[in-house]
Structure formats: structure tokens, C-alpha cells
Amino acid sequence: LPADLRGILGFPASGSGSSGNSRASTAGGGAGVKLQVKKGVPIRELSLTGNRLQYLPPFVGELSALQKLHTDPNLVEPPDHIQKEGLPVVQAYLRKIGSARSSGHLDMKGMMLHDVNLSFYKLTSVTALDLGSNFLHQLPDEVFAYTTLRWLDAKDNRLVEIPEDLTSLQALNQINLSSNQISVIPDSVFNKSALLHLNLSNNQIELMGAAAEARERLLAMSVYDPETLSKEESAELAMLEKVVDEEPVLELNSIQNLLLSDNMLQTLPPLHGSALTQLDLSRNRLQDGSIVDLKMIPRLRFLRLSHNRLTCFPEEIDAAKALVLLDVSFNNISTIPVEIRRLTRLSTLVLRNNRINHLPNELFLLTDLQQLQVSNNLVPALPTQIGHLIHLRELLVDGNEILSLPLELGNLQKIEILNVNNNPGDLLPEGFTDKGMKAVMEFFSWNCYYAD
């Protein structure tokens, strides 16, 4: 069927004949019959049986009056499960295809796709492709022919690997493969010069980089007796062991956002990312010494390390001078290093649910702080230097061992959220917490003035 249809067979091109018929049929027409549609005729029933059609053209999705559609069982596209859902779903699917031809955005999100063959539609100018929330085990082959593709979203599927062919899409700058079943990140995915955003959160990733592929191969070879290996296999084994031991630096090139939360990472290769501004490693299995060398990521602004197995801050934390957000909550950290004073741009510091037993004076030199969360630790006192954080809007110290609050809290005129609950001391006069934040801060402000 030609894509630029003007009429359906059985309707005259001019004013002659009966144009009021609402049933169109091409039964037995063969592959060479050109259908004609008289514009404006409300087609309610369309029969395409007895032909050689492998796919339905997108225009069928635009027949708003259509109530019945008859096709042969050899139809490949739309997929079988889409056809079984009924005519409204089939038409919605075809409208998405048709829209992609004009907009360049192909939205197949939530179509329950197990597989899809988009090659019939000859979509040559796709710039954005959304395959999220389906049941795909692999990306369709024709995706790798979309040379204009800049944005790819295939989250919430059943993908088990990142295809090497992604490297052929030189214009691609955003990839979202979160919520799949991927276990290894190949080195090649970082070799794309245009890639800016990579989201691989909520997968099963244990390894990444060149050493990841080497470890996988070593694991496969470990089942063999070394004495039975050929000369070539022994040489390969030695080479793989060298790669793992040396752990080559993984170049992130132009990547700005790397999201790896909710995986199974225990260690990381040395990362070099001169453009990287956001790194999310929360909810992994990282231990002390396994965090990246922060000197190699000079522009890093957002670092999330919550829900890992850390007992101390990342080494050389003072090298991350561009940080505005640092989240190390839900670990086993007991000490805040004095080097934190060098993070002068920090506006959000999240330390919740650790074992911190002291707030050092250096912490209160970070006068740009707007959010300080120290909930559920072992802090025995809030130092008077808290009054230096004049830009603070949120202070959470609930669930600690604090017996009293310093009057210097009255200097925090911008405070909007203050939580001191679940501490052993009577930190506020009875009834003040019911009067709202303004009344609480006025209490500290007046008493601070009187004390001065």
C-alpha cells in the first residue's frame, strides 16, 4: 500500500458513483493494486484480505470512523499481541508510527512489546526513540540504522546487555537503559564522543570498563584446567590477568551525567571525566578505597554515595572543590574529615543514618550551606558555630544524643525546616513546636540577643 494514499478502491476519484458507501474492500486484489480513498469519506470497515501485505501502513491509524478491520494472518506489523488487543490499540500504534515521520519522535512507551520490526516503515529521520516500559530482551536491529538518533530511552525492559552497535550512532547524546537486567558495562559505550547523559541505574551491574570484560572472560576460562590450555589460550589468560591487575583508566570523554544507582558495584575502575558534573553511585556495595579518584573529575558538582558500605569519606574529598551536593547517608561513617572545609561551594550535605559522633569546627566554615541533614547519628551536641551558617534553610538533627541547643540558632534567619525530635534533652520550651517555625526562631533570636 502506498503511504501517500488519496483514496480506497471502490470509491470514484471524481463526483460520479455512490460515494456514500462506508465499506471498502481490496479482497483478492493482489500486490499490485493501488488503493484509492475519496477524501472525507468516513470508512467504517476496511478489508485487506487476500493480498500480500506484511504490515499496515500508518494511515490506517488516522481512519477515525473505522470500526472493523480485516487482514490476513501473515501480517508481521503491528506485532501479533498488538493486533490481539483490538482495533483501537492497533490504530494507536500506527498513529505513533505516522507521527514519527513528521516529528522525528517515535514513542513506543508502554506498548507491551516483546519484539518489534520497524524496518517496514523506513523511518529515516528519527531523533528521539522511547521504548520504555515494554518486554524487550534486545533492541530492534533497525534502531542502529537511525543515524540521526540523539535520544534513546529503553528503561524498564528486560535487556541483559548493552549492544556494541550503539557505538555506530554518532549523534546519540542521551541513553536511558535503567531498570533492566544488565550486568556489565562494556568499555565501548564510553567511546562515543557525543554522549552526554548515561542512565544505567537499577540494573545488576557488577563490573564496568575494560577490566570488566577481562574478568568475564577469566571467569569463563576458570572452568578449564590450566594444564589443558593451548599455547594461544595460555597467552590470552596471561593478557587478561594483566588487564585486571593494571585496571586501565576508563575515559568518560564528554559524559556529564553518569547514573549508576541501585546496582551491585563493589569497586570501580579509575575514572577520568573532565566533563562529568553528576555521579550517582547510591545503593551499591562500595567499600572504602573503591570510590573514584576525585582529582580525576575536577568539575563534579553532584556526588551521591548513599546506601553503600563506607566507613569514611572518599579519599581526597578536598579535591572535589566544585561540589554543591554531597550525599553519604546510610553508611557506617563515624568521622567528618577536617578537609571538608575546602568544599566552599557546598550547598547540600546529607549525612543521615551513619555513626557520626562529632561535628568538627571545619564544617561550619561552609557558609554557603543551605541544607544540612545529620539525622539518626550519635552527635552529642550542636556547636555554637552553627550560627555561622547564615544561609541555612534546612537543619535536621533529629535522632541524635543532643541534650541542649545553642542560642546561636537565632542567627539562622533563613531557616525554613528545623527538626530536633527524638533527642534525649528537652530542646524547646513546651508548646513551641506547635506555634510554627517563626515562633521557634524568634525564641532563639531573642535569647541570642539577650545573651550577647
Protein backbone atom coordinates (compact mmCIF):
# COMPACT_ATOMS: atom_id res chain seq x y z
CA LEU A 1 0.00 0.00 0.00
CA PRO A 2 1.46 3.40 -0.89
CA ALA A 3 1.99 5.70 2.08
CA ASP A 4 0.56 8.77 0.34
CA LEU A 5 -2.86 7.29 -0.28
CA ARG A 6 -5.54 9.50 -1.81
CA GLY A 7 -8.39 7.01 -1.98
CA ILE A 8 -9.62 3.50 -1.25
CA LEU A 9 -10.60 1.13 -4.02
CA GLY A 10 -14.33 1.22 -4.77
CA PHE A 11 -14.72 4.98 -4.45
CA PRO A 12 -14.64 7.10 -7.60
CA ALA A 13 -11.93 9.75 -7.78
CA SER A 14 -14.46 12.33 -9.04
CA GLY A 15 -18.09 13.01 -8.23
CA SER A 16 -19.54 10.02 -10.13
CA GLY A 17 -20.83 6.87 -8.47
CA SER A 18 -22.03 6.17 -4.97
CA SER A 19 -19.66 7.95 -2.57
CA GLY A 20 -21.78 7.27 0.48
CA ASN A 21 -20.65 3.66 0.90
CA SER A 22 -18.76 3.16 4.17
CA ARG A 23 -17.25 -0.25 3.39
CA ALA A 24 -14.01 -0.62 1.45
CA SER A 25 -12.55 -3.91 0.26
CA THR A 26 -9.40 -4.98 -1.57
CA ALA A 27 -10.04 -8.69 -1.15
CA GLY A 28 -8.07 -10.70 -3.70
CA GLY A 29 -6.62 -7.56 -5.18
CA GLY A 30 -3.06 -8.85 -5.26
CA ALA A 31 0.11 -6.94 -4.52
CA GLY A 32 -0.10 -4.54 -7.48
CA VAL A 33 -3.48 -2.93 -6.79
CA LYS A 34 -3.27 0.72 -5.84
CA LEU A 35 -5.91 1.67 -3.32
CA GLN A 36 -7.76 4.95 -3.70
CA VAL A 37 -9.59 6.83 -0.98
CA LYS A 38 -12.00 9.65 -1.62
CA LYS A 39 -11.02 12.27 0.89
CA GLY A 40 -13.59 12.90 3.60
CA VAL A 41 -15.43 9.59 3.27
CA PRO A 42 -15.86 8.03 6.75
CA ILE A 43 -14.53 4.49 6.31
CA ARG A 44 -16.15 2.24 8.92
CA GLU A 45 -15.00 -1.15 7.63
CA LEU A 46 -11.80 -1.97 5.75
CA SER A 47 -10.90 -5.39 4.34
CA LEU A 48 -7.33 -6.03 3.19
CA THR A 49 -7.55 -9.81 2.99
CA GLY A 50 -6.29 -11.86 0.07
CA ASN A 51 -3.28 -9.60 -0.54
CA ARG A 52 0.40 -9.90 0.32
CA LEU A 53 0.60 -7.21 2.96
CA GLN A 54 3.24 -7.71 5.61
CA TYR A 55 2.48 -4.52 7.51
CA LEU A 56 -0.30 -2.00 7.93
CA PRO A 57 0.54 1.50 6.70
CA PRO A 58 0.31 4.30 9.27
CA PHE A 59 -2.64 6.00 7.52
CA VAL A 60 -4.94 3.24 8.85
CA GLY A 61 -4.46 4.77 12.29
CA GLU A 62 -5.99 8.03 11.03
CA LEU A 63 -9.30 6.48 9.91
CA SER A 64 -11.28 7.83 12.85
CA ALA A 65 -14.60 6.24 11.83
CA LEU A 66 -13.12 2.76 11.36
CA GLN A 67 -14.94 0.06 13.32
CA LYS A 68 -13.84 -3.15 11.58
CA LEU A 69 -10.52 -4.12 10.01
CA HIS A 70 -9.91 -7.42 8.22
CA THR A 71 -6.36 -8.59 7.46
CA ASP A 72 -4.58 -11.81 6.55
CA PRO A 73 -2.88 -13.87 9.28
CA ASN A 74 0.58 -13.38 7.70
CA LEU A 75 0.71 -9.74 8.79
CA VAL A 76 4.05 -9.01 10.55
CA GLU A 77 3.43 -5.46 11.71
CA PRO A 78 1.90 -4.43 14.05
CA PRO A 79 3.09 -7.36 16.24
CA ASP A 80 0.63 -10.15 16.99
CA HIS A 81 -0.04 -9.09 20.56
CA ILE A 82 -0.91 -5.57 19.38
CA GLN A 83 -3.36 -6.98 16.83
CA LYS A 84 -4.94 -9.16 19.51
CA GLU A 85 -5.61 -6.11 21.67
CA GLY A 86 -8.14 -4.90 19.12
CA LEU A 87 -8.60 -2.11 16.62
CA PRO A 88 -8.16 0.90 18.99
CA VAL A 89 -4.73 -0.34 20.10
CA VAL A 90 -3.71 -1.14 16.51
CA GLN A 91 -4.67 2.35 15.39
CA ALA A 92 -2.87 3.97 18.33
CA TYR A 93 0.26 2.02 17.39
CA LEU A 94 0.03 3.13 13.76
CA ARG A 95 -0.56 6.76 14.73
CA LYS A 96 2.70 6.69 16.69
CA ILE A 97 4.49 5.49 13.56
CA GLY A 98 2.85 8.15 11.44
CA SER A 99 3.67 10.89 13.93
CA ALA A 100 7.34 9.87 13.94
CA ARG A 101 7.57 10.56 10.21
CA SER A 102 6.80 14.22 10.73
CA SER A 103 8.12 14.92 14.24
CA GLY A 104 11.15 12.61 14.39
CA HIS A 105 9.97 11.39 17.84
CA LEU A 106 8.94 7.73 17.92
CA ASP A 107 7.08 6.99 21.16
CA MET A 108 6.54 3.26 21.78
CA LYS A 109 6.44 3.52 25.55
CA GLY A 110 4.19 1.06 27.38
CA MET A 111 3.01 -0.80 24.27
CA MET A 112 3.76 -4.23 25.86
CA LEU A 113 6.23 -5.01 23.07
CA HIS A 114 8.12 -8.30 23.21
CA ASP A 115 9.65 -7.61 19.81
CA VAL A 116 9.09 -5.09 17.05
CA ASN A 117 10.06 -4.81 13.39
CA LEU A 118 10.23 -1.18 12.40
CA SER A 119 12.12 -1.73 9.13
CA PHE A 120 8.91 -1.70 7.07
CA TYR A 121 8.22 1.92 7.88
CA LYS A 122 11.50 3.34 6.57
CA LEU A 123 11.83 5.92 9.33
CA THR A 124 14.96 7.75 8.25
CA SER A 125 14.90 10.88 10.42
CA VAL A 126 14.19 9.63 13.95
CA THR A 127 15.89 11.85 16.54
CA ALA A 128 14.16 10.54 19.70
CA LEU A 129 13.10 6.94 20.42
CA ASP A 130 11.16 5.87 23.51
CA LEU A 131 10.89 2.10 24.00
CA GLY A 132 10.41 2.29 27.76
CA SER A 133 8.14 0.03 29.83
CA ASN A 134 7.95 -2.90 27.43
CA PHE A 135 9.20 -6.50 27.49
CA LEU A 136 12.14 -6.22 25.11
CA HIS A 137 15.10 -8.59 25.58
CA GLN A 138 17.12 -6.72 22.98
CA LEU A 139 16.89 -3.51 20.99
CA PRO A 140 15.41 -3.82 17.47
CA ASP A 141 18.13 -4.10 14.80
CA GLU A 142 16.76 -1.20 12.81
CA VAL A 143 17.46 1.17 15.72
CA PHE A 144 21.14 1.06 14.78
CA ALA A 145 20.27 2.46 11.34
CA TYR A 146 18.82 5.64 12.85
CA THR A 147 21.91 7.74 12.26
CA THR A 148 20.09 10.92 13.33
CA LEU A 149 19.10 9.46 16.74
CA ARG A 150 20.06 11.75 19.63
CA TRP A 151 17.85 10.44 22.48
CA LEU A 152 17.23 6.77 23.33
CA ASP A 153 15.05 5.62 26.23
CA ALA A 154 14.66 1.87 26.78
CA LYS A 155 14.15 1.84 30.53
CA ASP A 156 12.05 -0.78 32.30
CA ASN A 157 12.56 -3.65 29.84
CA ARG A 158 14.40 -6.97 30.06
CA LEU A 159 17.65 -6.07 28.34
CA VAL A 160 20.62 -8.14 29.54
CA GLU A 161 23.42 -6.35 27.71
CA ILE A 162 24.42 -3.07 26.12
CA PRO A 163 24.78 -3.76 22.38
CA GLU A 164 28.14 -2.88 20.83
CA ASP A 165 26.28 -1.46 17.82
CA LEU A 166 25.31 1.59 19.87
CA THR A 167 28.73 2.99 19.03
CA SER A 168 27.58 3.38 15.40
CA LEU A 169 25.06 6.05 16.44
CA GLN A 170 27.41 9.00 16.44
CA ALA A 171 24.72 11.62 17.11
CA LEU A 172 23.40 9.87 20.24
CA ASN A 173 23.88 12.05 23.33
CA GLN A 174 21.32 10.66 25.83
CA ILE A 175 20.87 6.98 26.75
CA ASN A 176 18.50 5.68 29.42
CA LEU A 177 18.72 1.92 30.00
CA SER A 178 17.68 1.98 33.65
CA SER A 179 15.56 -0.79 35.23
CA ASN A 180 16.79 -3.65 33.05
CA GLN A 181 18.92 -6.73 33.75
CA ILE A 182 22.30 -5.52 32.50
CA SER A 183 25.30 -6.92 34.41
CA VAL A 184 28.34 -5.48 32.59
CA ILE A 185 29.12 -2.09 31.07
CA PRO A 186 31.47 -2.58 28.10
CA ASP A 187 34.27 -0.09 27.58
CA SER A 188 32.92 0.79 24.13
CA VAL A 189 29.82 2.56 25.45
CA PHE A 190 32.05 5.35 26.79
CA ASN A 191 33.85 5.81 23.47
CA LYS A 192 31.08 7.90 21.97
CA SER A 193 32.26 11.48 21.65
CA ALA A 194 28.71 12.91 21.61
CA LEU A 195 27.34 11.05 24.67
CA LEU A 196 26.39 13.46 27.47
CA HIS A 197 23.91 11.55 29.67
CA LEU A 198 24.05 7.84 30.56
CA ASN A 199 21.48 6.34 32.95
CA LEU A 200 22.10 2.70 33.92
CA SER A 201 20.51 2.78 37.36
CA ASN A 202 18.54 -0.17 38.75
CA ASN A 203 20.30 -2.94 36.84
CA GLN A 204 22.53 -5.80 38.00
CA ILE A 205 25.88 -4.22 37.14
CA GLU A 206 28.86 -5.65 38.97
CA LEU A 207 31.65 -4.65 36.60
CA MET A 208 32.47 -1.82 34.23
CA GLY A 209 35.30 -0.82 31.92
CA ALA A 210 37.97 -2.83 30.09
CA ALA A 211 38.73 -4.88 33.20
CA ALA A 212 35.05 -5.86 33.38
CA GLU A 213 35.22 -7.65 30.04
CA ALA A 214 38.53 -9.24 31.04
CA ARG A 215 37.05 -10.52 34.30
CA GLU A 216 34.11 -12.02 32.44
CA ARG A 217 36.45 -13.87 30.10
CA LEU A 218 38.61 -15.03 33.03
CA LEU A 219 35.53 -16.37 34.74
CA ALA A 220 34.60 -18.34 31.63
CA MET A 221 38.14 -19.78 31.38
CA SER A 222 38.34 -20.68 35.07
CA VAL A 223 36.39 -23.90 34.50
CA TYR A 224 39.29 -25.33 32.49
CA ASP A 225 42.39 -26.98 33.89
CA PRO A 226 45.36 -24.62 33.12
CA GLU A 227 47.44 -27.62 32.03
CA THR A 228 44.96 -28.41 29.27
CA LEU A 229 45.03 -24.92 27.74
CA SER A 230 46.65 -24.42 24.36
CA LYS A 231 49.56 -22.03 23.89
CA GLU A 232 47.23 -19.36 22.50
CA GLU A 233 44.77 -19.79 25.37
CA SER A 234 47.57 -19.55 27.93
CA ALA A 235 48.76 -16.32 26.31
CA GLU A 236 45.21 -14.95 26.40
CA LEU A 237 44.91 -15.90 30.06
CA ALA A 238 48.12 -14.02 30.91
CA MET A 239 46.95 -10.97 28.98
CA LEU A 240 43.57 -10.93 30.72
CA GLU A 241 45.19 -11.20 34.15
CA LYS A 242 47.43 -8.25 33.29
CA VAL A 243 44.43 -6.12 32.25
CA VAL A 244 42.65 -6.89 35.53
CA ASP A 245 45.76 -6.20 37.63
CA GLU A 246 46.58 -2.90 35.95
CA GLU A 247 42.94 -1.71 35.81
CA PRO A 248 43.29 0.84 32.96
CA VAL A 249 41.77 4.28 33.31
CA LEU A 250 38.23 4.49 31.96
CA GLU A 251 37.84 7.64 29.88
CA LEU A 252 34.35 9.14 30.16
CA ASN A 253 35.02 11.62 27.34
CA SER A 254 32.11 14.09 27.09
CA ILE A 255 29.74 12.41 29.60
CA GLN A 256 28.25 14.95 32.00
CA ASN A 257 25.78 12.77 33.92
CA LEU A 258 26.54 9.16 34.89
CA LEU A 259 23.80 7.44 36.91
CA LEU A 260 24.66 4.01 38.33
CA SER A 261 22.47 3.80 41.43
CA ASP A 262 20.76 0.57 42.53
CA ASN A 263 23.32 -1.85 41.11
CA MET A 264 25.79 -4.37 42.56
CA LEU A 265 29.07 -2.49 42.15
CA GLN A 266 31.74 -3.36 44.72
CA THR A 267 34.58 -1.49 43.06
CA LEU A 268 35.15 0.99 40.26
CA PRO A 269 37.91 1.36 37.68
CA PRO A 270 39.89 4.62 37.72
CA LEU A 271 37.61 7.16 36.06
CA HIS A 272 38.72 10.22 34.13
CA GLY A 273 35.92 12.60 33.31
CA SER A 274 36.82 16.20 32.60
CA ALA A 275 33.17 16.97 31.68
CA LEU A 276 31.45 14.91 34.42
CA THR A 277 29.25 17.01 36.71
CA GLN A 278 26.92 14.39 38.23
CA LEU A 279 27.82 10.92 39.53
CA ASP A 280 25.21 8.77 41.28
CA LEU A 281 26.58 5.60 42.91
CA SER A 282 23.95 5.25 45.63
CA ARG A 283 22.57 1.84 46.62
CA ASN A 284 25.55 -0.27 45.59
CA ARG A 285 28.08 -2.33 47.59
CA LEU A 286 31.02 0.07 47.51
CA GLN A 287 33.55 -0.07 50.33
CA ASP A 288 36.35 2.22 51.47
CA GLY A 289 39.00 2.72 48.82
CA SER A 290 36.70 1.69 45.98
CA ILE A 291 35.49 5.21 45.20
CA VAL A 292 36.93 7.07 42.23
CA ASP A 293 39.90 9.42 42.48
CA LEU A 294 38.13 12.76 42.74
CA LYS A 295 41.14 14.60 41.33
CA MET A 296 40.30 12.97 38.00
CA ILE A 297 36.83 14.53 37.98
CA PRO A 298 37.52 18.26 38.51
CA ARG A 299 34.04 19.56 37.51
CA LEU A 300 31.99 17.19 39.66
CA ARG A 301 29.08 19.08 41.27
CA PHE A 302 26.73 16.31 42.47
CA LEU A 303 28.06 13.17 44.19
CA ARG A 304 25.64 10.62 45.65
CA LEU A 305 27.08 7.69 47.65
CA SER A 306 24.19 6.81 49.96
CA HIS A 307 23.32 3.21 50.92
CA ASN A 308 26.78 1.71 50.45
CA ARG A 309 29.30 0.13 52.86
CA LEU A 310 31.53 3.11 53.56
CA THR A 311 33.11 3.76 56.96
CA CYS A 312 34.80 7.02 55.93
CA PHE A 313 34.51 9.84 53.42
CA PRO A 314 36.02 9.28 49.95
CA GLU A 315 39.77 9.77 49.87
CA GLU A 316 40.97 13.24 48.88
CA ILE A 317 37.47 14.65 49.22
CA ASP A 318 39.06 18.10 49.31
CA ALA A 319 39.92 17.70 45.59
CA ALA A 320 36.22 17.95 44.70
CA LYS A 321 36.16 21.73 45.03
CA ALA A 322 33.23 22.15 42.60
CA LEU A 323 30.83 20.03 44.70
CA VAL A 324 27.48 21.63 45.55
CA LEU A 325 25.82 18.40 46.76
CA LEU A 326 27.35 15.51 48.70
CA ASP A 327 25.19 12.63 49.95
CA VAL A 328 26.88 9.91 52.03
CA SER A 329 23.79 8.94 54.04
CA PHE A 330 23.01 5.36 55.12
CA ASN A 331 26.62 4.19 55.52
CA ASN A 332 28.78 3.47 58.58
CA ILE A 333 30.77 6.71 58.66
CA SER A 334 31.85 7.90 62.10
CA THR A 335 34.05 10.92 61.34
CA ILE A 336 33.76 14.04 59.20
CA PRO A 337 37.23 14.88 57.87
CA VAL A 338 38.62 18.36 58.51
CA GLU A 339 39.39 18.58 54.76
CA ILE A 340 35.69 19.21 54.22
CA ARG A 341 36.42 22.89 54.81
CA ARG A 342 37.79 23.07 51.24
CA LEU A 343 34.34 22.34 49.73
CA THR A 344 33.44 26.02 49.83
CA ARG A 345 30.69 25.73 47.17
CA LEU A 346 28.79 23.03 49.02
CA SER A 347 25.10 23.90 49.50
CA THR A 348 23.68 20.47 50.43
CA LEU A 349 25.34 17.98 52.78
CA VAL A 350 23.44 14.78 53.62
CA LEU A 351 24.89 12.70 56.49
CA ARG A 352 21.78 10.91 57.72
CA ASN A 353 21.87 7.42 59.22
CA ASN A 354 25.57 7.00 59.92
CA ARG A 355 27.56 6.75 63.17
CA ILE A 356 28.87 10.31 63.30
CA ASN A 357 29.70 11.32 66.89
CA HIS A 358 31.18 14.79 66.38
CA LEU A 359 30.60 17.85 64.19
CA PRO A 360 34.03 19.47 63.62
CA ASN A 361 34.54 23.23 63.57
CA GLU A 362 35.65 22.98 59.93
CA LEU A 363 32.11 22.01 58.95
CA PHE A 364 30.84 25.43 59.97
CA LEU A 365 33.23 27.21 57.62
CA LEU A 366 30.96 26.14 54.74
CA THR A 367 28.92 29.31 54.85
CA ASP A 368 27.11 28.57 51.56
CA LEU A 369 25.35 25.56 53.10
CA GLN A 370 21.58 25.65 52.69
CA GLN A 371 20.75 22.07 53.69
CA LEU A 372 22.47 20.15 56.49
CA GLN A 373 20.99 16.74 57.32
CA VAL A 374 22.56 14.87 60.27
CA SER A 375 19.53 12.83 61.36
CA ASN A 376 19.97 9.47 63.13
CA ASN A 377 23.59 9.67 64.18
CA LEU A 378 25.38 9.83 67.55
CA VAL A 379 26.01 13.58 67.75
CA PRO A 380 26.08 14.68 71.44
CA ALA A 381 25.95 18.45 70.90
CA LEU A 382 25.32 21.11 68.30
CA PRO A 383 28.28 23.55 68.44
CA THR A 384 27.77 27.29 68.81
CA GLN A 385 29.45 27.73 65.41
CA ILE A 386 26.16 26.63 63.85
CA GLY A 387 25.32 30.33 63.91
CA HIS A 388 27.88 30.91 61.13
CA LEU A 389 25.71 29.10 58.59
CA ILE A 390 23.56 32.14 57.91
CA HIS A 391 22.23 30.80 54.58
CA LEU A 392 20.92 27.58 56.11
CA ARG A 393 17.31 26.79 55.16
CA GLU A 394 17.07 23.21 56.43
CA LEU A 395 18.65 21.69 59.53
CA LEU A 396 17.87 18.10 60.50
CA VAL A 397 19.47 16.84 63.73
CA ASP A 398 16.69 14.54 64.91
CA GLY A 399 17.56 11.12 66.27
CA ASN A 400 20.86 12.04 67.93
CA GLU A 401 22.16 12.40 71.51
CA ILE A 402 21.73 16.17 71.82
CA LEU A 403 20.88 17.50 75.29
CA SER A 404 20.55 21.22 74.51
CA LEU A 405 20.54 23.65 71.61
CA PRO A 406 22.84 26.68 71.31
CA LEU A 407 21.25 30.12 71.30
CA GLU A 408 23.27 30.87 68.16
CA LEU A 409 20.50 29.15 66.22
CA GLY A 410 18.88 32.55 66.38
CA ASN A 411 21.33 33.77 63.72
CA LEU A 412 19.77 31.44 61.15
CA GLN A 413 17.22 33.90 59.83
CA LYS A 414 16.59 31.96 56.60
CA ILE A 415 15.74 28.66 58.29
CA GLU A 416 12.54 27.04 57.00
CA ILE A 417 12.85 23.47 58.31
CA LEU A 418 14.24 22.57 61.73
CA ASN A 419 13.88 19.05 63.13
CA VAL A 420 15.28 18.32 66.61
CA ASN A 421 12.92 15.47 67.53
CA ASN A 422 13.98 12.22 69.16
CA ASN A 423 16.87 13.62 71.16
CA PRO A 424 17.24 12.95 74.92
CA GLY A 425 17.13 16.60 76.03
CA ASP A 426 14.16 18.98 76.31
CA LEU A 427 15.39 21.10 73.44
CA LEU A 428 12.47 23.53 73.11
CA PRO A 429 10.07 25.00 75.64
CA GLU A 430 6.81 23.13 75.85
CA GLY A 431 4.32 24.13 73.17
CA PHE A 432 6.79 25.97 70.93
CA THR A 433 6.84 23.31 68.25
CA ASP A 434 3.09 23.80 67.82
CA LYS A 435 3.49 27.52 67.15
CA GLY A 436 5.42 27.06 63.93
CA MET A 437 8.94 27.77 62.73
CA LYS A 438 8.63 31.54 63.09
CA ALA A 439 7.90 31.31 66.82
CA VAL A 440 10.75 28.83 67.35
CA MET A 441 13.30 31.03 65.61
CA GLU A 442 12.06 34.15 67.42
CA PHE A 443 12.67 32.32 70.69
CA PHE A 444 16.31 31.67 69.78
CA SER A 445 16.79 35.08 68.21
CA TRP A 446 15.60 36.99 71.31
CA ASN A 447 17.57 34.81 73.68
CA CYS A 448 20.68 35.07 71.49
CA TYR A 449 20.36 38.88 71.54
CA TYR A 450 19.88 38.89 75.32
CA ALA A 451 22.91 36.63 75.82
CA ASP A 452 25.06 38.95 73.71
